C-alpha atoms as a PDB file:
ATOM      1  CA  UNK A   1      -5.273 -32.750-196.977  1.00  0.00           C
ATOM      2  CA  UNK A   2      -6.320 -35.106-194.308  1.00  0.00           C
ATOM      3  CA  UNK A   3      -9.046 -37.593-194.968  1.00  0.00           C
ATOM      4  CA  UNK A   4     -10.961 -36.117-192.125  1.00  0.00           C
ATOM      5  CA  UNK A   5     -10.325 -32.438-192.064  1.00  0.00           C
ATOM      6  CA  UNK A   6     -12.268 -31.830-188.801  1.00  0.00           C
ATOM      7  CA  UNK A   7     -11.976 -34.427-186.016  1.00  0.00           C
ATOM      8  CA  UNK A   8     -14.417 -34.362-183.111  1.00  0.00           C
ATOM      9  CA  UNK A   9     -14.365 -36.522-180.022  1.00  0.00           C
ATOM     10  CA  UNK A  10     -16.227 -36.510-176.526  1.00  0.00           C
ATOM     11  CA  UNK A  11     -14.922 -37.336-173.097  1.00  0.00           C
ATOM     12  CA  UNK A  12     -16.537 -37.694-169.851  1.00  0.00           C
ATOM     13  CA  UNK A  13     -15.831 -35.186-167.177  1.00  0.00           C
ATOM     14  CA  UNK A  14     -17.866 -36.566-164.187  1.00  0.00           C
ATOM     15  CA  UNK A  15     -21.590 -36.463-163.298  1.00  0.00           C
ATOM     16  CA  UNK A  16     -22.395 -36.829-166.980  1.00  0.00           C
ATOM     17  CA  UNK A  17     -20.657 -33.775-168.210  1.00  0.00           C
ATOM     18  CA  UNK A  18     -19.176 -34.268-171.576  1.00  0.00           C
ATOM     19  CA  UNK A  19     -16.216 -32.230-172.995  1.00  0.00           C
ATOM     20  CA  UNK A  20     -15.889 -31.912-176.792  1.00  0.00           C
ATOM     21  CA  UNK A  21     -12.335 -31.763-178.630  1.00  0.00           C
ATOM     22  CA  UNK A  22     -12.376 -30.395-182.047  1.00  0.00           C
ATOM     23  CA  UNK A  23      -9.314 -30.545-183.986  1.00  0.00           C
ATOM     24  CA  UNK A  24      -8.290 -28.957-187.469  1.00  0.00           C
ATOM     25  CA  UNK A  25      -6.591 -31.773-188.864  1.00  0.00           C
ATOM     26  CA  UNK A  26      -4.314 -30.724-191.650  1.00  0.00           C
ATOM     27  CA  UNK A  27      -1.001 -30.629-190.101  1.00  0.00           C
ATOM     28  CA  UNK A  28       1.030 -30.607-193.307  1.00  0.00           C
ATOM     29  CA  UNK A  29      -0.426 -27.423-194.356  1.00  0.00           C
ATOM     30  CA  UNK A  30      -0.369 -25.648-191.129  1.00  0.00           C
ATOM     31  CA  UNK A  31      -4.060 -26.709-190.731  1.00  0.00           C
ATOM     32  CA  UNK A  32      -5.019 -23.954-193.213  1.00  0.00           C
ATOM     33  CA  UNK A  33      -8.830 -23.541-193.929  1.00  0.00           C
ATOM     34  CA  UNK A  34      -9.953 -24.635-197.468  1.00  0.00           C
ATOM     35  CA  UNK A  35     -13.579 -24.579-198.267  1.00  0.00           C
ATOM     36  CA  UNK A  36     -14.110 -28.097-197.559  1.00  0.00           C
ATOM     37  CA  UNK A  37     -12.519 -27.948-194.380  1.00  0.00           C
ATOM     38  CA  UNK A  38     -14.604 -24.892-193.344  1.00  0.00           C
ATOM     39  CA  UNK A  39     -17.735 -26.542-194.264  1.00  0.00           C
ATOM     40  CA  UNK A  40     -16.863 -29.680-192.218  1.00  0.00           C
ATOM     41  CA  UNK A  41     -15.835 -27.292-189.357  1.00  0.00           C
ATOM     42  CA  UNK A  42     -19.437 -25.783-189.188  1.00  0.00           C
ATOM     43  CA  UNK A  43     -20.929 -29.147-189.561  1.00  0.00           C
ATOM     44  CA  UNK A  44     -18.984 -30.515-186.617  1.00  0.00           C
ATOM     45  CA  UNK A  45     -19.970 -27.495-184.321  1.00  0.00           C
ATOM     46  CA  UNK A  46     -23.532 -27.727-185.474  1.00  0.00           C
ATOM     47  CA  UNK A  47     -23.842 -31.357-184.690  1.00  0.00           C
ATOM     48  CA  UNK A  48     -21.971 -30.907-181.203  1.00  0.00           C
ATOM     49  CA  UNK A  49     -24.481 -27.976-180.326  1.00  0.00           C
ATOM     50  CA  UNK A  50     -27.265 -30.512-180.346  1.00  0.00           C
ATOM     51  CA  UNK A  51     -25.919 -32.304-177.382  1.00  0.00           C
ATOM     52  CA  UNK A  52     -26.899 -30.456-173.976  1.00  0.00           C
ATOM     53  CA  UNK A  53     -24.694 -32.522-171.904  1.00  0.00           C
ATOM     54  CA  UNK A  54     -21.574 -30.784-173.507  1.00  0.00           C
ATOM     55  CA  UNK A  55     -20.201 -28.344-170.986  1.00  0.00           C
ATOM     56  CA  UNK A  56     -17.346 -27.122-172.976  1.00  0.00           C
ATOM     57  CA  UNK A  57     -15.285 -27.510-176.359  1.00  0.00           C
ATOM     58  CA  UNK A  58     -11.552 -27.389-176.590  1.00  0.00           C
ATOM     59  CA  UNK A  59     -10.551 -26.318-180.162  1.00  0.00           C
ATOM     60  CA  UNK A  60      -7.024 -26.982-181.351  1.00  0.00           C
ATOM     61  CA  UNK A  61      -4.963 -27.703-184.535  1.00  0.00           C
ATOM     62  CA  UNK A  62      -3.338 -31.104-185.159  1.00  0.00           C
ATOM     63  CA  UNK A  63       0.420 -31.439-184.526  1.00  0.00           C
ATOM     64  CA  UNK A  64       2.441 -28.681-182.725  1.00  0.00           C
ATOM     65  CA  UNK A  65       3.274 -26.406-185.547  1.00  0.00           C
ATOM     66  CA  UNK A  66      -0.064 -24.583-185.945  1.00  0.00           C
ATOM     67  CA  UNK A  67      -3.388 -23.712-184.326  1.00  0.00           C
ATOM     68  CA  UNK A  68      -4.966 -22.486-187.714  1.00  0.00           C
ATOM     69  CA  UNK A  69      -2.220 -20.889-190.123  1.00  0.00           C
ATOM     70  CA  UNK A  70      -5.017 -19.092-191.951  1.00  0.00           C
ATOM     71  CA  UNK A  71      -7.102 -19.524-194.933  1.00  0.00           C
ATOM     72  CA  UNK A  72      -5.910 -21.729-197.835  1.00  0.00           C
ATOM     73  CA  UNK A  73      -3.779 -19.194-200.155  1.00  0.00           C
ATOM     74  CA  UNK A  74      -3.753 -21.718-202.787  1.00  0.00           C
ATOM     75  CA  UNK A  75      -7.569 -21.465-203.067  1.00  0.00           C
ATOM     76  CA  UNK A  76      -7.596 -17.842-202.351  1.00  0.00           C
ATOM     77  CA  UNK A  77      -5.377 -17.142-205.212  1.00  0.00           C
ATOM     78  CA  UNK A  78      -8.201 -18.417-207.757  1.00  0.00           C
ATOM     79  CA  UNK A  79     -10.761 -16.354-206.331  1.00  0.00           C
ATOM     80  CA  UNK A  80     -12.615 -13.512-207.940  1.00  0.00           C
ATOM     81  CA  UNK A  81     -15.132 -10.836-206.636  1.00  0.00           C
ATOM     82  CA  UNK A  82     -18.184 -13.247-206.479  1.00  0.00           C
ATOM     83  CA  UNK A  83     -16.076 -16.371-205.542  1.00  0.00           C
ATOM     84  CA  UNK A  84     -14.207 -14.324-202.982  1.00  0.00           C
ATOM     85  CA  UNK A  85     -17.601 -13.270-201.120  1.00  0.00           C
ATOM     86  CA  UNK A  86     -18.593 -16.825-200.986  1.00  0.00           C
ATOM     87  CA  UNK A  87     -15.182 -17.829-199.479  1.00  0.00           C
ATOM     88  CA  UNK A  88     -14.971 -15.135-196.857  1.00  0.00           C
ATOM     89  CA  UNK A  89     -18.567 -16.069-195.889  1.00  0.00           C
ATOM     90  CA  UNK A  90     -17.388 -19.539-195.105  1.00  0.00           C
ATOM     91  CA  UNK A  91     -14.591 -17.922-192.752  1.00  0.00           C
ATOM     92  CA  UNK A  92     -17.349 -15.964-191.016  1.00  0.00           C
ATOM     93  CA  UNK A  93     -19.637 -18.917-190.616  1.00  0.00           C
ATOM     94  CA  UNK A  94     -16.677 -20.806-188.795  1.00  0.00           C
ATOM     95  CA  UNK A  95     -16.400 -17.913-186.344  1.00  0.00           C
ATOM     96  CA  UNK A  96     -20.168 -17.756-186.054  1.00  0.00           C
ATOM     97  CA  UNK A  97     -20.472 -21.557-185.163  1.00  0.00           C
ATOM     98  CA  UNK A  98     -17.801 -20.969-182.340  1.00  0.00           C
ATOM     99  CA  UNK A  99     -19.708 -17.693-181.258  1.00  0.00           C
ATOM    100  CA  UNK A 100     -23.078 -19.209-181.140  1.00  0.00           C
ATOM    101  CA  UNK A 101     -22.139 -22.635-179.572  1.00  0.00           C
ATOM    102  CA  UNK A 102     -24.165 -22.894-176.481  1.00  0.00           C
ATOM    103  CA  UNK A 103     -21.181 -23.818-174.201  1.00  0.00           C
ATOM    104  CA  UNK A 104     -17.783 -22.061-173.754  1.00  0.00           C
ATOM    105  CA  UNK A 105     -15.409 -22.564-176.391  1.00  0.00           C
ATOM    106  CA  UNK A 106     -11.790 -22.781-175.315  1.00  0.00           C
ATOM    107  CA  UNK A 107      -9.036 -22.032-177.925  1.00  0.00           C
ATOM    108  CA  UNK A 108      -5.895 -24.137-177.309  1.00  0.00           C
ATOM    109  CA  UNK A 109      -3.314 -22.293-179.508  1.00  0.00           C
ATOM    110  CA  UNK A 110      -0.351 -24.255-180.595  1.00  0.00           C
ATOM    111  CA  UNK A 111       2.344 -22.785-183.137  1.00  0.00           C
ATOM    112  CA  UNK A 112       1.111 -20.475-185.837  1.00  0.00           C
ATOM    113  CA  UNK A 113      -2.346 -18.740-185.426  1.00  0.00           C
ATOM    114  CA  UNK A 114      -2.691 -16.308-188.434  1.00  0.00           C
ATOM    115  CA  UNK A 115      -5.212 -14.534-190.343  1.00  0.00           C
ATOM    116  CA  UNK A 116      -8.391 -16.654-190.401  1.00  0.00           C
ATOM    117  CA  UNK A 117      -7.026 -18.789-187.514  1.00  0.00           C
ATOM    118  CA  UNK A 118      -6.814 -15.585-185.362  1.00  0.00           C
ATOM    119  CA  UNK A 119     -10.265 -14.609-186.279  1.00  0.00           C
ATOM    120  CA  UNK A 120     -11.497 -18.038-185.041  1.00  0.00           C
ATOM    121  CA  UNK A 121      -9.356 -17.847-181.897  1.00  0.00           C
ATOM    122  CA  UNK A 122     -10.849 -14.393-181.227  1.00  0.00           C
ATOM    123  CA  UNK A 123     -14.437 -15.829-181.539  1.00  0.00           C
ATOM    124  CA  UNK A 124     -13.506 -18.327-178.932  1.00  0.00           C
ATOM    125  CA  UNK A 125     -14.752 -17.535-175.287  1.00  0.00           C
ATOM    126  CA  UNK A 126     -11.154 -18.303-173.867  1.00  0.00           C
ATOM    127  CA  UNK A 127      -7.742 -18.548-175.242  1.00  0.00           C
ATOM    128  CA  UNK A 128      -4.534 -20.332-173.896  1.00  0.00           C
ATOM    129  CA  UNK A 129      -1.347 -20.505-176.135  1.00  0.00           C
ATOM    130  CA  UNK A 130       1.542 -22.593-175.923  1.00  0.00           C
ATOM    131  CA  UNK A 131       5.027 -20.664-175.142  1.00  0.00           C
ATOM    132  CA  UNK A 132       6.411 -20.029-178.591  1.00  0.00           C
ATOM    133  CA  UNK A 133       3.027 -19.555-180.443  1.00  0.00           C
ATOM    134  CA  UNK A 134       2.949 -16.897-182.953  1.00  0.00           C
ATOM    135  CA  UNK A 135      -0.063 -14.626-183.980  1.00  0.00           C
ATOM    136  CA  UNK A 136      -0.599 -12.298-186.954  1.00  0.00           C
ATOM    137  CA  UNK A 137      -3.035 -10.778-189.564  1.00  0.00           C
ATOM    138  CA  UNK A 138      -0.750 -10.850-192.562  1.00  0.00           C
ATOM    139  CA  UNK A 139      -3.568 -10.260-195.172  1.00  0.00           C
ATOM    140  CA  UNK A 140      -2.578  -7.015-196.391  1.00  0.00           C
ATOM    141  CA  UNK A 141       0.851  -8.478-197.454  1.00  0.00           C
ATOM    142  CA  UNK A 142      -1.140 -10.655-199.655  1.00  0.00           C
ATOM    143  CA  UNK A 143      -3.199  -7.927-201.348  1.00  0.00           C
ATOM    144  CA  UNK A 144      -6.345  -8.323-199.065  1.00  0.00           C
ATOM    145  CA  UNK A 145      -7.797  -6.717-195.985  1.00  0.00           C
ATOM    146  CA  UNK A 146      -8.226  -8.468-192.820  1.00  0.00           C
ATOM    147  CA  UNK A 147     -12.104  -8.778-192.380  1.00  0.00           C
ATOM    148  CA  UNK A 148     -14.880 -10.606-190.829  1.00  0.00           C
ATOM    149  CA  UNK A 149     -14.325 -11.361-187.075  1.00  0.00           C
ATOM    150  CA  UNK A 150     -11.166  -9.490-187.135  1.00  0.00           C
ATOM    151  CA  UNK A 151     -13.683  -6.938-186.080  1.00  0.00           C
ATOM    152  CA  UNK A 152     -13.628  -8.485-182.754  1.00  0.00           C
ATOM    153  CA  UNK A 153      -9.803  -7.598-182.137  1.00  0.00           C
ATOM    154  CA  UNK A 154     -10.362  -4.131-180.778  1.00  0.00           C
ATOM    155  CA  UNK A 155     -12.498  -5.484-177.881  1.00  0.00           C
ATOM    156  CA  UNK A 156      -9.727  -7.673-176.990  1.00  0.00           C
ATOM    157  CA  UNK A 157      -6.625  -5.518-177.594  1.00  0.00           C
ATOM    158  CA  UNK A 158      -7.776  -1.981-178.329  1.00  0.00           C
ATOM    159  CA  UNK A 159      -8.005  -0.069-181.617  1.00  0.00           C
ATOM    160  CA  UNK A 160      -4.205   0.978-181.613  1.00  0.00           C
ATOM    161  CA  UNK A 161      -2.956  -2.492-181.301  1.00  0.00           C
ATOM    162  CA  UNK A 162      -5.434  -3.628-184.001  1.00  0.00           C
ATOM    163  CA  UNK A 163      -4.292  -1.041-186.377  1.00  0.00           C
ATOM    164  CA  UNK A 164      -0.714  -2.035-185.634  1.00  0.00           C
ATOM    165  CA  UNK A 165      -1.448  -5.867-186.409  1.00  0.00           C
ATOM    166  CA  UNK A 166      -3.743  -5.240-189.447  1.00  0.00           C
ATOM    167  CA  UNK A 167      -1.893  -2.396-191.129  1.00  0.00           C
ATOM    168  CA  UNK A 168       1.616  -3.656-190.417  1.00  0.00           C
ATOM    169  CA  UNK A 169       0.949  -7.302-190.837  1.00  0.00           C
ATOM    170  CA  UNK A 170       3.304  -7.971-187.935  1.00  0.00           C
ATOM    171  CA  UNK A 171       3.605 -11.297-186.099  1.00  0.00           C
ATOM    172  CA  UNK A 172       3.790 -11.271-182.281  1.00  0.00           C
ATOM    173  CA  UNK A 173       4.925 -13.870-179.888  1.00  0.00           C
ATOM    174  CA  UNK A 174       2.719 -15.629-177.245  1.00  0.00           C
ATOM    175  CA  UNK A 175       4.295 -13.399-174.545  1.00  0.00           C
ATOM    176  CA  UNK A 176       3.224 -10.154-176.323  1.00  0.00           C
ATOM    177  CA  UNK A 177      -0.181 -11.668-177.053  1.00  0.00           C
ATOM    178  CA  UNK A 178      -0.521 -12.118-173.307  1.00  0.00           C
ATOM    179  CA  UNK A 179       0.413  -8.725-172.574  1.00  0.00           C
ATOM    180  CA  UNK A 180      -1.856  -7.170-174.942  1.00  0.00           C
ATOM    181  CA  UNK A 181      -4.929  -9.335-173.553  1.00  0.00           C
ATOM    182  CA  UNK A 182      -5.150 -11.370-176.871  1.00  0.00           C
ATOM    183  CA  UNK A 183      -4.873 -14.687-175.064  1.00  0.00           C
ATOM    184  CA  UNK A 184      -5.720 -15.294-171.419  1.00  0.00           C
ATOM    185  CA  UNK A 185      -2.702 -17.288-170.377  1.00  0.00           C
ATOM    186  CA  UNK A 186       0.438 -19.048-171.942  1.00  0.00           C
ATOM    187  CA  UNK A 187       1.991 -22.404-170.733  1.00  0.00           C
ATOM    188  CA  UNK A 188       4.695 -24.703-171.553  1.00  0.00           C
ATOM    189  CA  UNK A 189       3.676 -27.529-174.088  1.00  0.00           C
ATOM    190  CA  UNK A 190       3.820 -30.231-171.188  1.00  0.00           C
ATOM    191  CA  UNK A 191       1.630 -27.796-168.876  1.00  0.00           C
ATOM    192  CA  UNK A 192      -1.132 -26.409-171.045  1.00  0.00           C
ATOM    193  CA  UNK A 193      -3.245 -29.600-170.601  1.00  0.00           C
ATOM    194  CA  UNK A 194      -3.358 -29.271-167.140  1.00  0.00           C
ATOM    195  CA  UNK A 195      -4.301 -25.513-167.256  1.00  0.00           C
ATOM    196  CA  UNK A 196      -7.136 -26.258-169.617  1.00  0.00           C
ATOM    197  CA  UNK A 197      -8.420 -28.924-167.155  1.00  0.00           C
ATOM    198  CA  UNK A 198      -8.362 -26.435-164.200  1.00  0.00           C
ATOM    199  CA  UNK A 199     -10.600 -24.128-166.548  1.00  0.00           C
ATOM    200  CA  UNK A 200     -12.990 -27.009-167.258  1.00  0.00           C
ATOM    201  CA  UNK A 201     -13.090 -28.067-163.612  1.00  0.00           C
ATOM    202  CA  UNK A 202     -14.462 -24.357-163.075  1.00  0.00           C
ATOM    203  CA  UNK A 203     -16.743 -24.528-165.718  1.00  0.00           C
ATOM    204  CA  UNK A 204     -18.139 -27.834-164.699  1.00  0.00           C
ATOM    205  CA  UNK A 205     -18.812 -26.520-161.162  1.00  0.00           C
ATOM    206  CA  UNK A 206     -21.108 -24.043-162.645  1.00  0.00           C
ATOM    207  CA  UNK A 207     -24.761 -24.632-163.329  1.00  0.00           C
ATOM    208  CA  UNK A 208     -24.880 -25.676-167.095  1.00  0.00           C
ATOM    209  CA  UNK A 209     -28.043 -23.584-167.697  1.00  0.00           C
ATOM    210  CA  UNK A 210     -26.589 -20.584-166.156  1.00  0.00           C
ATOM    211  CA  UNK A 211     -23.330 -20.894-168.367  1.00  0.00           C
ATOM    212  CA  UNK A 212     -25.543 -21.063-171.513  1.00  0.00           C
ATOM    213  CA  UNK A 213     -27.434 -17.924-170.273  1.00  0.00           C
ATOM    214  CA  UNK A 214     -24.271 -16.093-169.475  1.00  0.00           C
ATOM    215  CA  UNK A 215     -22.493 -16.863-172.867  1.00  0.00           C
ATOM    216  CA  UNK A 216     -25.654 -15.801-174.700  1.00  0.00           C
ATOM    217  CA  UNK A 217     -25.919 -12.550-172.532  1.00  0.00           C
ATOM    218  CA  UNK A 218     -22.376 -11.768-173.266  1.00  0.00           C
ATOM    219  CA  UNK A 219     -22.904 -12.110-177.012  1.00  0.00           C
ATOM    220  CA  UNK A 220     -25.793  -9.772-176.725  1.00  0.00           C
ATOM    221  CA  UNK A 221     -23.711  -7.407-174.661  1.00  0.00           C
ATOM    222  CA  UNK A 222     -21.576  -6.856-177.607  1.00  0.00           C
ATOM    223  CA  UNK A 223     -24.044  -5.501-179.918  1.00  0.00           C
ATOM    224  CA  UNK A 224     -26.216  -3.483-177.416  1.00  0.00           C
ATOM    225  CA  UNK A 225     -25.832  -0.001-176.265  1.00  0.00           C
ATOM    226  CA  UNK A 226     -25.268   0.244-172.209  1.00  0.00           C
ATOM    227  CA  UNK A 227     -29.003   0.949-171.349  1.00  0.00           C
ATOM    228  CA  UNK A 228     -29.970  -1.918-173.481  1.00  0.00           C
ATOM    229  CA  UNK A 229     -27.409  -4.459-172.273  1.00  0.00           C
ATOM    230  CA  UNK A 230     -28.439  -3.829-168.548  1.00  0.00           C
ATOM    231  CA  UNK A 231     -31.916  -4.403-169.405  1.00  0.00           C
ATOM    232  CA  UNK A 232     -30.981  -7.659-171.302  1.00  0.00           C
ATOM    233  CA  UNK A 233     -29.171  -8.675-168.120  1.00  0.00           C
ATOM    234  CA  UNK A 234     -32.281  -8.174-166.061  1.00  0.00           C
ATOM    235  CA  UNK A 235     -34.212 -10.235-168.563  1.00  0.00           C
ATOM    236  CA  UNK A 236     -31.651 -13.022-168.393  1.00  0.00           C
ATOM    237  CA  UNK A 237     -31.665 -13.183-164.746  1.00  0.00           C
ATOM    238  CA  UNK A 238     -35.390 -13.469-164.549  1.00  0.00           C
ATOM    239  CA  UNK A 239     -35.340 -16.349-167.324  1.00  0.00           C
ATOM    240  CA  UNK A 240     -32.723 -18.212-165.371  1.00  0.00           C
ATOM    241  CA  UNK A 241     -35.504 -19.115-162.928  1.00  0.00           C
ATOM    242  CA  UNK A 242     -37.279 -21.030-165.600  1.00  0.00           C
ATOM    243  CA  UNK A 243     -35.548 -24.050-164.282  1.00  0.00           C
ATOM    244  CA  UNK A 244     -34.769 -25.327-160.688  1.00  0.00           C
ATOM    245  CA  UNK A 245     -31.287 -24.898-161.093  1.00  0.00           C
ATOM    246  CA  UNK A 246     -30.891 -21.561-159.290  1.00  0.00           C
ATOM    247  CA  UNK A 247     -32.924 -22.978-156.236  1.00  0.00           C
ATOM    248  CA  UNK A 248     -31.093 -26.291-156.313  1.00  0.00           C
ATOM    249  CA  UNK A 249     -27.615 -24.821-156.291  1.00  0.00           C
ATOM    250  CA  UNK A 250     -28.273 -22.138-153.798  1.00  0.00           C
ATOM    251  CA  UNK A 251     -29.786 -24.695-151.441  1.00  0.00           C
ATOM    252  CA  UNK A 252     -26.755 -26.754-151.737  1.00  0.00           C
ATOM    253  CA  UNK A 253     -24.397 -23.728-151.238  1.00  0.00           C
ATOM    254  CA  UNK A 254     -26.475 -22.689-148.114  1.00  0.00           C
ATOM    255  CA  UNK A 255     -26.161 -26.208-146.684  1.00  0.00           C
ATOM    256  CA  UNK A 256     -22.393 -26.475-147.326  1.00  0.00           C
ATOM    257  CA  UNK A 257     -22.100 -23.253-145.390  1.00  0.00           C
ATOM    258  CA  UNK A 258     -24.159 -24.332-142.534  1.00  0.00           C
ATOM    259  CA  UNK A 259     -22.148 -27.513-142.503  1.00  0.00           C
ATOM    260  CA  UNK A 260     -19.042 -25.524-142.387  1.00  0.00           C
ATOM    261  CA  UNK A 261     -20.109 -23.296-139.590  1.00  0.00           C
ATOM    262  CA  UNK A 262     -21.154 -26.167-137.554  1.00  0.00           C
ATOM    263  CA  UNK A 263     -17.861 -27.834-138.022  1.00  0.00           C
ATOM    264  CA  UNK A 264     -16.339 -24.610-136.554  1.00  0.00           C
ATOM    265  CA  UNK A 265     -17.953 -24.759-133.371  1.00  0.00           C
END
């Protein structure tokens, strides 16, 4: 295993905004997730979550063969009922660290994205795949069910396609993942960075507090009946005025519109 199973670095993106890049760093094992790697993963996201200047996280795997090739099978082969519960809880904790991160998390999917790797990808806010990436949930072929955040898949691809992936253990190509709605975009290897940069540009144009409120609200919508989800939106809208961000950004918008109209005269 790599000496540092999770690598995290920050870069500037103008006006004090920071972008974090988190890399699962075990390319010789297709970036598979051992218990130690998962604990390092959760720790890295927990530390990054303390920095309110981070506007987005790009999550990927080292090398070009895999995003995350799944959980570490050599470790799983030694599990029993008790240790298995602890192991799969670690997988869930990784997904929860992504879903609960206050800023958007973008999955940059290179190569294989299987099992626990697909669950983590599903937990991300946006997903872009390199052409040639492959997706699958092959757990039933190893004698175990697909669990934890595999429960997110019906919301992305529907129940029928979820059953197809989980019950057949099939692997699909990036183009099929795009058609199903499993990823938002695919791109050639040499163009994926520019596509992600465009997404990050849009993210950085938005109000940072608005984005945090929006992500948290989306998370709540997933668990609420429609009536309560709408009320949660009302509450979130009112709470967004706790800072000067709406007034400041709307004033700037109106000023730009006035300047544009004046220039047309």
